[in-house]
Every structure is written in C-alpha cells, then in structure tokens.
Amino acid sequence: MRKAILFICLLALVGCKTGEQAQSLMQPVTLNNTDSVNVEKVIRTLYVPALAEIDIPRQVETNATPDDSSHVETDMAYSDAWIRDGMLHHTIANKQGKYKTEAFVPQTTEKINRETVVTKEIPVPQPYPIEVERELTLMEQMKLAVFWYLVGAVVVCVCLLFRKPLWTALRKIIS
C-alpha cells in the first residue's frame, strides 16, 4: 500500500505544463496603393459652310410648234423662241460653267485629355496590446527542473511494483 501512495505522489509532481501559453498577436499593416487614369475624350463637330461646284452638262434641244410665242428660263438653262414660216421655233440651252452653291460640311475635332491620379493610402498603425511572457513561478521552475528525474523514478516504481508479472512475461517470450 505504501508503494501505491508513493506512486500517486510522484504522478502528482510530474505535471509541468503552465496554465497559459504566451502568444504574440501581430496584426498586418496593409498598404493600399492604387493608380487611376482618367481619360476624357471630347468630340466636337462643327458644320462649316463651304462652296460646292457642280459641272453642268451642255445640252441643246430645239422644238417647233404652231403657237405664236414661248419663253422658258431656269437657273441652269435659257430658252429662245421665234416664229418663221408660220412655225414657232424654240431653242433651250444649258448655261456653260459650273453651278455654285453653299453646302454645310461637318468638321470633327477630337481632344483627348489624360489625367493620371496616383493615390497612396498609408494607414497609421494603431497601437495594439502585445502579450509579454511572464516570469515562471518557483513551483513551475522546480517542475521543469525535476521532470525527467520524476519520469525515471516512475518507470523504476512501475518496474518494482510489477516485477513478478514482468519476469513471467519475459520468461515466456524468451523460451
């Protein structure tokens, strides 16, 4: 019985783990670097009056009618009419040259404005608590110092307590 009490006392002294382990919590500092390019494209269309010239083809026609007079004139042609031998003669001819008029022509201009904006955000790190390891108490230092000696003592006690069954098991294994 005395051996069992000694064995239990030795097991109680072997526990050497501290209650809390110190951990360092490092929070990362994030830098946010962003580039942005603002592209503005302005398309401006102006209608500018321009002089347009169109070639007029030369064309001549003649017509004879029994009427006594006739006259026709347009921007591009002129007409002469006369009576001869009881017949009305009529001649129409296009004017020579080019027909000039004013037309509106679109003129497009493009203006591209590239504006680069570089934004760099550097956050100021906030202070956060850092856990510092505390000093070991005298009892914890003693447990760490005698741990392996106590393990050896427990092994010796187990061998002494169970020596008869161990010897019989070894004899059966060997023979």
N, C-alpha and C. Protein backbone atom coordinates (compact mmCIF):
# COMPACT_ATOMS: atom_id res chain seq x y z
N MET A 1 0.82 -1.20 0.00
CA MET A 1 0.00 0.00 0.00
C MET A 1 0.86 1.26 0.00
N ARG A 2 1.97 1.15 0.70
CA ARG A 2 2.86 2.28 0.77
C ARG A 2 3.45 2.60 -0.61
N LYS A 3 3.66 1.58 -1.41
CA LYS A 3 4.21 1.78 -2.74
C LYS A 3 3.19 2.49 -3.65
N ALA A 4 1.92 2.16 -3.52
CA ALA A 4 0.88 2.80 -4.32
C ALA A 4 0.76 4.28 -4.00
N ILE A 5 0.83 4.64 -2.72
CA ILE A 5 0.76 6.05 -2.31
C ILE A 5 1.96 6.81 -2.84
N LEU A 6 3.14 6.22 -2.81
CA LEU A 6 4.35 6.84 -3.34
C LEU A 6 4.21 7.06 -4.85
N PHE A 7 3.65 6.07 -5.52
CA PHE A 7 3.44 6.18 -6.97
C PHE A 7 2.49 7.33 -7.30
N ILE A 8 1.39 7.48 -6.58
CA ILE A 8 0.42 8.56 -6.82
C ILE A 8 1.04 9.92 -6.53
N CYS A 9 1.85 10.03 -5.49
CA CYS A 9 2.52 11.30 -5.18
C CYS A 9 3.49 11.69 -6.28
N LEU A 10 4.21 10.72 -6.81
CA LEU A 10 5.14 11.02 -7.90
C LEU A 10 4.39 11.49 -9.16
N LEU A 11 3.23 10.89 -9.45
CA LEU A 11 2.45 11.32 -10.61
C LEU A 11 1.92 12.74 -10.44
N ALA A 12 1.57 13.14 -9.22
CA ALA A 12 1.07 14.49 -8.96
C ALA A 12 2.16 15.53 -9.17
N LEU A 13 3.41 15.19 -8.90
CA LEU A 13 4.51 16.14 -9.06
C LEU A 13 5.00 16.26 -10.50
N VAL A 14 4.62 15.31 -11.36
CA VAL A 14 5.14 15.31 -12.72
C VAL A 14 4.50 16.39 -13.59
N GLY A 15 3.28 16.82 -13.36
CA GLY A 15 2.61 17.82 -14.21
C GLY A 15 3.41 19.10 -14.29
N CYS A 16 3.88 19.47 -15.48
CA CYS A 16 4.76 20.63 -15.59
C CYS A 16 4.29 21.66 -16.61
N LYS A 17 3.10 21.53 -17.13
CA LYS A 17 2.64 22.48 -18.13
C LYS A 17 2.07 23.73 -17.44
N THR A 18 2.41 24.91 -17.99
CA THR A 18 1.87 26.15 -17.42
C THR A 18 0.41 26.30 -17.84
N GLY A 19 -0.28 27.14 -17.12
CA GLY A 19 -1.71 27.33 -17.39
C GLY A 19 -1.99 27.97 -18.73
N GLU A 20 -1.27 29.01 -19.10
CA GLU A 20 -1.48 29.72 -20.36
C GLU A 20 -0.16 29.86 -21.09
N GLN A 21 -0.22 29.69 -22.38
CA GLN A 21 0.96 29.90 -23.21
C GLN A 21 0.90 31.31 -23.76
N ALA A 22 2.04 32.00 -23.74
CA ALA A 22 2.08 33.37 -24.27
C ALA A 22 2.11 33.32 -25.80
N GLN A 23 1.27 34.12 -26.43
CA GLN A 23 1.23 34.19 -27.89
C GLN A 23 1.38 35.64 -28.33
N SER A 24 2.14 35.83 -29.35
CA SER A 24 2.32 37.17 -29.91
C SER A 24 1.34 37.34 -31.06
N LEU A 25 0.47 38.32 -30.95
CA LEU A 25 -0.51 38.59 -31.99
C LEU A 25 -0.02 39.76 -32.83
N MET A 26 0.48 39.46 -34.03
CA MET A 26 0.95 40.51 -34.93
C MET A 26 -0.13 40.77 -35.97
N GLN A 27 -0.64 41.98 -35.99
CA GLN A 27 -1.63 42.33 -36.99
C GLN A 27 -0.90 42.94 -38.19
N PRO A 28 -1.22 42.48 -39.40
CA PRO A 28 -0.51 43.02 -40.56
C PRO A 28 -0.95 44.44 -40.88
N VAL A 29 -0.01 45.23 -41.37
CA VAL A 29 -0.30 46.60 -41.81
C VAL A 29 -0.49 46.53 -43.32
N THR A 30 -1.65 46.92 -43.79
CA THR A 30 -1.97 46.83 -45.21
C THR A 30 -1.78 48.20 -45.85
N LEU A 31 -1.01 48.22 -46.91
CA LEU A 31 -0.83 49.44 -47.68
C LEU A 31 -1.70 49.34 -48.93
N ASN A 32 -2.48 50.35 -49.20
CA ASN A 32 -3.37 50.35 -50.36
C ASN A 32 -2.81 51.32 -51.39
N ASN A 33 -2.14 50.79 -52.41
CA ASN A 33 -1.60 51.63 -53.48
C ASN A 33 -2.48 51.46 -54.71
N THR A 34 -3.10 52.53 -55.16
CA THR A 34 -3.94 52.44 -56.36
C THR A 34 -3.55 53.55 -57.31
N ASP A 35 -3.56 53.22 -58.58
CA ASP A 35 -3.35 54.21 -59.64
C ASP A 35 -4.64 54.30 -60.43
N SER A 36 -4.99 55.48 -60.81
CA SER A 36 -6.17 55.62 -61.66
C SER A 36 -5.86 56.64 -62.75
N VAL A 37 -6.27 56.30 -63.94
CA VAL A 37 -6.07 57.19 -65.08
C VAL A 37 -7.45 57.63 -65.55
N ASN A 38 -7.66 58.92 -65.57
CA ASN A 38 -8.93 59.48 -66.00
C ASN A 38 -8.76 59.95 -67.44
N VAL A 39 -9.42 59.28 -68.38
CA VAL A 39 -9.32 59.64 -69.79
C VAL A 39 -10.62 60.31 -70.20
N GLU A 40 -10.49 61.52 -70.70
CA GLU A 40 -11.66 62.28 -71.15
C GLU A 40 -11.49 62.55 -72.64
N LYS A 41 -12.47 62.13 -73.42
CA LYS A 41 -12.41 62.30 -74.86
C LYS A 41 -13.57 63.22 -75.27
N VAL A 42 -13.22 64.38 -75.83
CA VAL A 42 -14.23 65.36 -76.25
C VAL A 42 -14.24 65.37 -77.77
N ILE A 43 -15.39 65.05 -78.35
CA ILE A 43 -15.56 65.09 -79.81
C ILE A 43 -16.47 66.27 -80.13
N ARG A 44 -15.94 67.21 -80.91
CA ARG A 44 -16.69 68.42 -81.24
C ARG A 44 -16.88 68.45 -82.76
N THR A 45 -18.14 68.57 -83.18
CA THR A 45 -18.47 68.61 -84.61
C THR A 45 -19.05 69.98 -84.94
N LEU A 46 -18.41 70.66 -85.88
CA LEU A 46 -18.89 71.96 -86.36
C LEU A 46 -19.27 71.82 -87.83
N TYR A 47 -20.39 72.45 -88.20
CA TYR A 47 -20.82 72.46 -89.59
C TYR A 47 -20.38 73.79 -90.21
N VAL A 48 -19.40 73.69 -91.08
CA VAL A 48 -18.80 74.87 -91.69
C VAL A 48 -19.34 75.02 -93.12
N PRO A 49 -19.81 76.23 -93.48
CA PRO A 49 -20.28 76.40 -94.87
C PRO A 49 -19.10 76.36 -95.83
N ALA A 50 -19.31 75.63 -96.93
CA ALA A 50 -18.26 75.52 -97.95
C ALA A 50 -18.91 75.71 -99.32
N LEU A 51 -18.13 76.22 -100.25
CA LEU A 51 -18.62 76.47 -101.61
C LEU A 51 -18.52 75.17 -102.40
N ALA A 52 -19.64 74.71 -102.96
CA ALA A 52 -19.66 73.49 -103.76
C ALA A 52 -19.92 73.86 -105.21
N GLU A 53 -19.18 73.25 -106.13
CA GLU A 53 -19.34 73.50 -107.56
C GLU A 53 -19.72 72.20 -108.25
N ILE A 54 -20.77 72.28 -109.06
CA ILE A 54 -21.25 71.11 -109.79
C ILE A 54 -21.15 71.44 -111.29
N ASP A 55 -20.56 70.55 -112.05
CA ASP A 55 -20.46 70.76 -113.50
C ASP A 55 -21.83 70.57 -114.13
N ILE A 56 -22.19 71.50 -115.02
CA ILE A 56 -23.46 71.42 -115.74
C ILE A 56 -23.17 70.86 -117.13
N PRO A 57 -23.82 69.78 -117.49
CA PRO A 57 -23.56 69.23 -118.83
C PRO A 57 -24.18 70.11 -119.92
N ARG A 58 -23.51 70.21 -121.05
CA ARG A 58 -24.00 71.02 -122.17
C ARG A 58 -25.05 70.20 -122.91
N GLN A 59 -26.23 70.81 -123.11
CA GLN A 59 -27.33 70.12 -123.76
C GLN A 59 -28.11 71.15 -124.57
N VAL A 60 -28.47 70.80 -125.80
CA VAL A 60 -29.22 71.71 -126.67
C VAL A 60 -30.41 70.95 -127.23
N GLU A 61 -31.60 71.59 -127.17
CA GLU A 61 -32.81 71.00 -127.75
C GLU A 61 -33.53 72.07 -128.58
N THR A 62 -34.17 71.63 -129.61
CA THR A 62 -34.92 72.53 -130.47
C THR A 62 -36.32 71.95 -130.66
N ASN A 63 -37.34 72.84 -130.64
CA ASN A 63 -38.73 72.39 -130.76
C ASN A 63 -39.47 73.37 -131.67
N ALA A 64 -40.37 72.89 -132.55
CA ALA A 64 -41.17 73.74 -133.45
C ALA A 64 -42.65 73.51 -133.14
N THR A 65 -43.42 74.60 -132.89
CA THR A 65 -44.85 74.50 -132.56
C THR A 65 -45.63 75.52 -133.37
N PRO A 66 -46.96 75.34 -133.56
CA PRO A 66 -47.75 76.33 -134.30
C PRO A 66 -48.14 77.54 -133.47
N ASP A 67 -47.78 77.62 -132.18
CA ASP A 67 -48.12 78.77 -131.35
C ASP A 67 -47.32 79.99 -131.80
N ASP A 68 -47.74 81.20 -131.28
CA ASP A 68 -47.05 82.40 -131.73
C ASP A 68 -45.90 82.84 -130.84
N SER A 69 -45.81 82.41 -129.53
CA SER A 69 -44.66 82.80 -128.70
C SER A 69 -44.44 81.77 -127.58
N SER A 70 -43.19 81.76 -127.10
CA SER A 70 -42.82 80.86 -125.99
C SER A 70 -41.52 81.35 -125.37
N HIS A 71 -41.49 81.30 -124.05
CA HIS A 71 -40.25 81.69 -123.34
C HIS A 71 -40.10 80.82 -122.10
N VAL A 72 -38.90 80.22 -121.91
CA VAL A 72 -38.60 79.38 -120.74
C VAL A 72 -37.17 79.69 -120.32
N GLU A 73 -37.00 79.87 -118.97
CA GLU A 73 -35.64 80.08 -118.44
C GLU A 73 -35.60 79.52 -117.03
N THR A 74 -34.48 78.85 -116.70
CA THR A 74 -34.22 78.32 -115.35
C THR A 74 -32.84 78.77 -114.92
N ASP A 75 -32.42 78.29 -113.72
CA ASP A 75 -31.07 78.65 -113.23
C ASP A 75 -29.99 78.04 -114.10
N MET A 76 -30.29 76.91 -114.71
CA MET A 76 -29.26 76.22 -115.46
C MET A 76 -29.45 76.27 -116.97
N ALA A 77 -30.55 76.86 -117.42
CA ALA A 77 -30.79 76.84 -118.87
C ALA A 77 -31.48 78.14 -119.30
N TYR A 78 -31.37 78.43 -120.60
CA TYR A 78 -32.10 79.57 -121.18
C TYR A 78 -32.80 79.09 -122.44
N SER A 79 -33.80 79.84 -122.81
CA SER A 79 -34.65 79.42 -123.93
C SER A 79 -34.91 80.61 -124.86
N ASP A 80 -34.86 80.36 -126.18
CA ASP A 80 -35.21 81.37 -127.19
C ASP A 80 -36.33 80.78 -128.06
N ALA A 81 -37.30 81.60 -128.35
CA ALA A 81 -38.42 81.14 -129.21
C ALA A 81 -38.68 82.19 -130.30
N TRP A 82 -38.99 81.75 -131.54
CA TRP A 82 -39.30 82.68 -132.64
C TRP A 82 -40.23 81.99 -133.63
N ILE A 83 -40.86 82.84 -134.44
CA ILE A 83 -41.79 82.33 -135.44
C ILE A 83 -41.16 82.59 -136.81
N ARG A 84 -41.12 81.56 -137.65
CA ARG A 84 -40.58 81.69 -139.00
C ARG A 84 -41.39 80.73 -139.90
N ASP A 85 -41.88 81.25 -140.99
CA ASP A 85 -42.65 80.47 -141.96
C ASP A 85 -43.90 79.86 -141.32
N GLY A 86 -44.50 80.58 -140.41
CA GLY A 86 -45.73 80.11 -139.78
C GLY A 86 -45.48 79.09 -138.68
N MET A 87 -44.25 78.82 -138.34
CA MET A 87 -43.92 77.83 -137.31
C MET A 87 -43.15 78.52 -136.19
N LEU A 88 -43.43 78.16 -134.96
CA LEU A 88 -42.70 78.68 -133.78
C LEU A 88 -41.50 77.78 -133.54
N HIS A 89 -40.34 78.42 -133.56
CA HIS A 89 -39.11 77.67 -133.27
C HIS A 89 -38.69 77.99 -131.84
N HIS A 90 -38.29 76.96 -131.13
CA HIS A 90 -37.94 77.12 -129.71
C HIS A 90 -36.61 76.41 -129.46
N THR A 91 -35.63 77.12 -128.89
CA THR A 91 -34.32 76.54 -128.58
C THR A 91 -34.07 76.72 -127.08
N ILE A 92 -33.64 75.65 -126.41
CA ILE A 92 -33.27 75.71 -124.99
C ILE A 92 -31.84 75.20 -124.86
N ALA A 93 -31.02 75.90 -124.11
CA ALA A 93 -29.61 75.51 -123.93
C ALA A 93 -29.23 75.68 -122.46
N ASN A 94 -28.45 74.72 -121.94
CA ASN A 94 -27.93 74.84 -120.57
C ASN A 94 -26.82 75.87 -120.56
N LYS A 95 -26.70 76.56 -119.43
CA LYS A 95 -25.66 77.57 -119.31
C LYS A 95 -24.33 76.87 -119.13
N GLN A 96 -23.30 77.43 -119.71
CA GLN A 96 -21.96 76.85 -119.63
C GLN A 96 -21.35 77.18 -118.27
N GLY A 97 -20.53 76.28 -117.73
CA GLY A 97 -19.81 76.57 -116.50
C GLY A 97 -20.21 75.63 -115.38
N LYS A 98 -20.04 76.14 -114.19
CA LYS A 98 -20.29 75.32 -113.01
C LYS A 98 -21.38 75.97 -112.19
N TYR A 99 -22.18 75.13 -111.60
CA TYR A 99 -23.24 75.62 -110.72
C TYR A 99 -22.64 75.75 -109.32
N LYS A 100 -22.68 76.93 -108.75
CA LYS A 100 -22.07 77.18 -107.44
C LYS A 100 -23.16 77.32 -106.40
N THR A 101 -22.95 76.62 -105.29
CA THR A 101 -23.89 76.71 -104.18
C THR A 101 -23.12 76.56 -102.88
N GLU A 102 -23.76 76.84 -101.78
CA GLU A 102 -23.12 76.73 -100.47
C GLU A 102 -23.68 75.50 -99.75
N ALA A 103 -22.78 74.64 -99.28
CA ALA A 103 -23.18 73.43 -98.55
C ALA A 103 -22.48 73.44 -97.19
N PHE A 104 -23.12 72.79 -96.22
CA PHE A 104 -22.55 72.70 -94.87
C PHE A 104 -21.80 71.38 -94.73
N VAL A 105 -20.51 71.48 -94.41
CA VAL A 105 -19.64 70.31 -94.30
C VAL A 105 -19.29 70.12 -92.82
N PRO A 106 -19.45 68.89 -92.29
CA PRO A 106 -19.08 68.67 -90.89
C PRO A 106 -17.57 68.56 -90.72
N GLN A 107 -17.05 69.25 -89.72
CA GLN A 107 -15.64 69.14 -89.35
C GLN A 107 -15.59 68.67 -87.90
N THR A 108 -14.96 67.52 -87.70
CA THR A 108 -14.91 66.89 -86.37
C THR A 108 -13.51 67.04 -85.80
N THR A 109 -13.45 67.47 -84.56
CA THR A 109 -12.17 67.55 -83.85
C THR A 109 -12.28 66.71 -82.58
N GLU A 110 -11.20 66.02 -82.28
CA GLU A 110 -11.15 65.20 -81.07
C GLU A 110 -10.08 65.76 -80.14
N LYS A 111 -10.42 65.81 -78.88
CA LYS A 111 -9.46 66.25 -77.88
C LYS A 111 -9.46 65.21 -76.78
N ILE A 112 -8.29 64.62 -76.55
CA ILE A 112 -8.17 63.58 -75.53
C ILE A 112 -7.35 64.15 -74.38
N ASN A 113 -7.94 64.13 -73.22
CA ASN A 113 -7.28 64.65 -72.02
C ASN A 113 -7.03 63.46 -71.09
N ARG A 114 -5.76 63.14 -70.87
CA ARG A 114 -5.40 62.05 -69.96
C ARG A 114 -4.85 62.66 -68.69
N GLU A 115 -5.48 62.33 -67.64
CA GLU A 115 -5.10 62.87 -66.34
C GLU A 115 -4.82 61.70 -65.42
N THR A 116 -3.59 61.59 -64.95
CA THR A 116 -3.21 60.48 -64.09
C THR A 116 -3.30 60.93 -62.64
N VAL A 117 -4.02 60.17 -61.87
CA VAL A 117 -4.17 60.46 -60.45
C VAL A 117 -3.59 59.27 -59.69
N VAL A 118 -2.58 59.52 -58.89
CA VAL A 118 -1.97 58.46 -58.10
C VAL A 118 -2.37 58.69 -56.65
N THR A 119 -3.01 57.70 -56.09
CA THR A 119 -3.47 57.78 -54.71
C THR A 119 -2.75 56.74 -53.90
N LYS A 120 -2.09 57.16 -52.86
CA LYS A 120 -1.42 56.22 -51.97
C LYS A 120 -1.94 56.44 -50.57
N GLU A 121 -2.54 55.39 -50.04
CA GLU A 121 -3.04 55.44 -48.68
C GLU A 121 -2.08 54.67 -47.80
N ILE A 122 -1.53 55.32 -46.85
CA ILE A 122 -0.65 54.65 -45.89
C ILE A 122 -1.31 54.79 -44.53
N PRO A 123 -1.92 53.70 -44.07
CA PRO A 123 -2.61 53.79 -42.78
C PRO A 123 -1.62 53.88 -41.63
N VAL A 124 -2.00 54.63 -40.64
CA VAL A 124 -1.19 54.75 -39.45
C VAL A 124 -1.51 53.54 -38.57
N PRO A 125 -0.49 52.73 -38.23
CA PRO A 125 -0.78 51.55 -37.43
C PRO A 125 -1.28 51.96 -36.05
N GLN A 126 -2.36 51.32 -35.64
CA GLN A 126 -2.93 51.58 -34.33
C GLN A 126 -2.18 50.75 -33.28
N PRO A 127 -1.94 51.31 -32.14
CA PRO A 127 -1.28 50.50 -31.11
C PRO A 127 -2.22 49.39 -30.64
N TYR A 128 -1.66 48.21 -30.49
CA TYR A 128 -2.44 47.07 -30.02
C TYR A 128 -1.63 46.39 -28.92
N PRO A 129 -2.31 45.70 -28.04
CA PRO A 129 -1.60 45.11 -26.91
C PRO A 129 -0.72 43.94 -27.36
N ILE A 130 0.49 43.93 -26.83
CA ILE A 130 1.42 42.83 -27.08
C ILE A 130 1.59 42.08 -25.77
N GLU A 131 1.33 40.78 -25.85
CA GLU A 131 1.45 39.98 -24.64
C GLU A 131 2.92 39.62 -24.44
N VAL A 132 3.43 39.91 -23.27
CA VAL A 132 4.82 39.62 -22.93
C VAL A 132 4.83 38.40 -22.02
N GLU A 133 5.78 37.49 -22.27
CA GLU A 133 5.85 36.31 -21.42
C GLU A 133 6.20 36.73 -20.00
N ARG A 134 5.51 36.09 -19.08
CA ARG A 134 5.77 36.40 -17.67
C ARG A 134 6.87 35.48 -17.14
N GLU A 135 7.41 35.84 -16.04
CA GLU A 135 8.42 35.02 -15.38
C GLU A 135 7.76 33.78 -14.80
N LEU A 136 8.47 32.67 -14.85
CA LEU A 136 7.95 31.43 -14.26
C LEU A 136 8.01 31.51 -12.74
N THR A 137 6.99 30.93 -12.14
CA THR A 137 6.99 30.90 -10.67
C THR A 137 8.00 29.85 -10.19
N LEU A 138 8.27 29.87 -8.90
CA LEU A 138 9.26 28.94 -8.33
C LEU A 138 8.79 27.50 -8.49
N MET A 139 7.49 27.26 -8.33
CA MET A 139 6.95 25.91 -8.46
C MET A 139 7.08 25.42 -9.90
N GLU A 140 6.80 26.30 -10.91
CA GLU A 140 6.93 25.92 -12.30
C GLU A 140 8.38 25.65 -12.68
N GLN A 141 9.31 26.44 -12.15
CA GLN A 141 10.74 26.20 -12.41
C GLN A 141 11.18 24.87 -11.83
N MET A 142 10.67 24.55 -10.63
CA MET A 142 11.03 23.29 -9.98
C MET A 142 10.47 22.10 -10.77
N LYS A 143 9.24 22.23 -11.26
CA LYS A 143 8.64 21.15 -12.04
C LYS A 143 9.42 20.91 -13.33
N LEU A 144 9.85 21.98 -13.99
CA LEU A 144 10.64 21.83 -15.21
C LEU A 144 12.01 21.21 -14.92
N ALA A 145 12.60 21.53 -13.79
CA ALA A 145 13.95 21.05 -13.47
C ALA A 145 13.95 19.56 -13.13
N VAL A 146 12.91 19.08 -12.45
CA VAL A 146 12.93 17.68 -11.98
C VAL A 146 12.06 16.75 -12.83
N PHE A 147 11.59 17.22 -13.98
CA PHE A 147 10.65 16.43 -14.77
C PHE A 147 11.24 15.07 -15.17
N TRP A 148 12.40 15.05 -15.80
CA TRP A 148 12.96 13.78 -16.29
C TRP A 148 13.37 12.86 -15.13
N TYR A 149 13.79 13.45 -14.03
CA TYR A 149 14.12 12.60 -12.87
C TYR A 149 12.85 11.91 -12.36
N LEU A 150 11.74 12.63 -12.33
CA LEU A 150 10.49 12.03 -11.87
C LEU A 150 9.99 10.97 -12.84
N VAL A 151 10.18 11.20 -14.15
CA VAL A 151 9.78 10.19 -15.13
C VAL A 151 10.59 8.91 -14.90
N GLY A 152 11.88 9.05 -14.68
CA GLY A 152 12.72 7.88 -14.40
C GLY A 152 12.28 7.17 -13.13
N ALA A 153 11.94 7.95 -12.10
CA ALA A 153 11.50 7.35 -10.84
C ALA A 153 10.19 6.60 -11.03
N VAL A 154 9.28 7.13 -11.84
CA VAL A 154 8.01 6.45 -12.11
C VAL A 154 8.26 5.14 -12.83
N VAL A 155 9.15 5.14 -13.81
CA VAL A 155 9.47 3.91 -14.54
C VAL A 155 10.05 2.87 -13.59
N VAL A 156 10.96 3.29 -12.69
CA VAL A 156 11.55 2.35 -11.72
C VAL A 156 10.47 1.81 -10.79
N CYS A 157 9.55 2.69 -10.32
CA CYS A 157 8.48 2.24 -9.42
C CYS A 157 7.55 1.25 -10.11
N VAL A 158 7.23 1.51 -11.36
CA VAL A 158 6.36 0.58 -12.09
C VAL A 158 7.05 -0.76 -12.25
N CYS A 159 8.34 -0.73 -12.54
CA CYS A 159 9.07 -2.00 -12.67
C CYS A 159 9.12 -2.75 -11.34
N LEU A 160 9.30 -2.02 -10.22
CA LEU A 160 9.33 -2.68 -8.91
C LEU A 160 7.96 -3.22 -8.51
N LEU A 161 6.89 -2.46 -8.79
CA LEU A 161 5.55 -2.91 -8.43
C LEU A 161 5.11 -4.14 -9.23
N PHE A 162 5.46 -4.16 -10.49
CA PHE A 162 5.00 -5.24 -11.35
C PHE A 162 6.16 -6.14 -11.78
N ARG A 163 7.14 -6.38 -10.89
CA ARG A 163 8.31 -7.15 -11.28
C ARG A 163 7.98 -8.62 -11.50
N LYS A 164 7.09 -9.22 -10.66
CA LYS A 164 6.77 -10.64 -10.83
C LYS A 164 6.04 -10.88 -12.16
N PRO A 165 4.99 -10.09 -12.51
CA PRO A 165 4.37 -10.35 -13.81
C PRO A 165 5.30 -10.05 -14.98
N LEU A 166 6.17 -9.05 -14.85
CA LEU A 166 7.11 -8.73 -15.92
C LEU A 166 8.10 -9.88 -16.13
N TRP A 167 8.61 -10.48 -15.02
CA TRP A 167 9.57 -11.59 -15.13
C TRP A 167 8.92 -12.80 -15.79
N THR A 168 7.67 -13.08 -15.44
CA THR A 168 7.00 -14.23 -16.05
C THR A 168 6.75 -13.97 -17.54
N ALA A 169 6.40 -12.77 -17.92
CA ALA A 169 6.18 -12.45 -19.34
C ALA A 169 7.48 -12.54 -20.12
N LEU A 170 8.59 -12.09 -19.53
CA LEU A 170 9.89 -12.18 -20.20
C LEU A 170 10.32 -13.63 -20.36
N ARG A 171 10.07 -14.49 -19.36
CA ARG A 171 10.45 -15.90 -19.46
C ARG A 171 9.66 -16.59 -20.58
N LYS A 172 8.37 -16.20 -20.72
CA LYS A 172 7.56 -16.82 -21.77
C LYS A 172 8.02 -16.36 -23.15
N ILE A 173 8.43 -15.13 -23.26
CA ILE A 173 8.89 -14.58 -24.55
C ILE A 173 10.21 -15.21 -24.93
N ILE A 174 11.12 -15.37 -23.98
CA ILE A 174 12.45 -15.91 -24.27
C ILE A 174 12.37 -17.40 -24.58
N SER A 175 11.55 -18.15 -23.82
CA SER A 175 11.51 -19.62 -24.04
C SER A 175 10.51 -20.03 -25.05
